[in-house]
Amino acid sequence: MPVAFMSADKNAEQKTKASGLGVVNFIQKPFDSTTIFGKVKTLLQAKTAF
């Protein structure tokens, strides 16, 4: 199952750690709804491909 992670943390180390835990998409705050919907749609499409 694809996992997305949302965070206000701009630390590159956190992105690396999240990636190592299986996060496939790191969404950094602040974000807008268009970005969120687009990324979630992509994740759901990837899930159905498996």
C-alpha atoms as a PDB file:
ATOM      1  CA  MET A   1       0.000   0.000   0.000  1.00  0.00           C
ATOM      2  CA  PRO A   2       1.450   3.371  -0.982  1.00  0.00           C
ATOM      3  CA  VAL A   3       2.079   5.725   1.919  1.00  0.00           C
ATOM      4  CA  ALA A   4       2.156   9.531   1.792  1.00  0.00           C
ATOM      5  CA  PHE A   5       3.645  11.622   4.578  1.00  0.00           C
ATOM      6  CA  MET A   6       2.710  15.223   5.352  1.00  0.00           C
ATOM      7  CA  SER A   7       5.020  17.376   7.419  1.00  0.00           C
ATOM      8  CA  ALA A   8       6.007  20.945   8.105  1.00  0.00           C
ATOM      9  CA  ASP A   9       9.553  19.742   8.776  1.00  0.00           C
ATOM     10  CA  LYS A  10      11.972  20.886   6.079  1.00  0.00           C
ATOM     11  CA  ASN A  11      14.798  18.698   7.332  1.00  0.00           C
ATOM     12  CA  ALA A  12      16.165  16.469   4.550  1.00  0.00           C
ATOM     13  CA  GLU A  13      17.013  13.842   7.163  1.00  0.00           C
ATOM     14  CA  GLN A  14      13.297  13.409   7.916  1.00  0.00           C
ATOM     15  CA  LYS A  15      12.551  12.807   4.230  1.00  0.00           C
ATOM     16  CA  THR A  16      15.307  10.205   4.083  1.00  0.00           C
ATOM     17  CA  LYS A  17      14.016   8.495   7.226  1.00  0.00           C
ATOM     18  CA  ALA A  18      10.435   8.499   5.890  1.00  0.00           C
ATOM     19  CA  SER A  19      11.614   7.028   2.611  1.00  0.00           C
ATOM     20  CA  GLY A  20      13.393   4.261   4.491  1.00  0.00           C
ATOM     21  CA  LEU A  21      10.126   3.456   6.262  1.00  0.00           C
ATOM     22  CA  GLY A  22       8.274   2.995   2.977  1.00  0.00           C
ATOM     23  CA  VAL A  23       6.897   6.461   2.312  1.00  0.00           C
ATOM     24  CA  VAL A  24       6.491   6.918  -1.441  1.00  0.00           C
ATOM     25  CA  ASN A  25       5.384  10.551  -1.365  1.00  0.00           C
ATOM     26  CA  PHE A  26       6.512  13.284   1.010  1.00  0.00           C
ATOM     27  CA  ILE A  27       4.190  16.294   1.006  1.00  0.00           C
ATOM     28  CA  GLN A  28       5.654  19.361   2.641  1.00  0.00           C
ATOM     29  CA  LYS A  29       3.483  22.019   4.317  1.00  0.00           C
ATOM     30  CA  PRO A  30       2.189  24.488   3.390  1.00  0.00           C
ATOM     31  CA  PHE A  31       0.311  22.747   0.603  1.00  0.00           C
ATOM     32  CA  ASP A  32      -2.772  23.428  -1.444  1.00  0.00           C
ATOM     33  CA  SER A  33      -5.733  21.151  -2.109  1.00  0.00           C
ATOM     34  CA  THR A  34      -4.896  20.762  -5.812  1.00  0.00           C
ATOM     35  CA  THR A  35      -1.496  19.332  -4.914  1.00  0.00           C
ATOM     36  CA  ILE A  36      -2.984  16.971  -2.325  1.00  0.00           C
ATOM     37  CA  PHE A  37      -5.704  15.662  -4.637  1.00  0.00           C
ATOM     38  CA  GLY A  38      -3.227  15.153  -7.472  1.00  0.00           C
ATOM     39  CA  LYS A  39      -0.777  13.227  -5.314  1.00  0.00           C
ATOM     40  CA  VAL A  40      -3.493  11.085  -3.722  1.00  0.00           C
ATOM     41  CA  LYS A  41      -4.924  10.298  -7.155  1.00  0.00           C
ATOM     42  CA  THR A  42      -1.483   9.203  -8.337  1.00  0.00           C
ATOM     43  CA  LEU A  43      -1.009   7.025  -5.249  1.00  0.00           C
ATOM     44  CA  LEU A  44      -4.392   5.362  -5.747  1.00  0.00           C
ATOM     45  CA  GLN A  45      -3.639   4.683  -9.406  1.00  0.00           C
ATOM     46  CA  ALA A  46      -0.311   3.129  -8.424  1.00  0.00           C
ATOM     47  CA  LYS A  47      -2.074   0.937  -5.849  1.00  0.00           C
ATOM     48  CA  THR A  48      -4.489  -0.432  -8.464  1.00  0.00           C
ATOM     49  CA  ALA A  49      -1.552  -1.222 -10.769  1.00  0.00           C
ATOM     50  CA  PHE A  50      -0.359  -3.827  -8.262  1.00  0.00           C
END
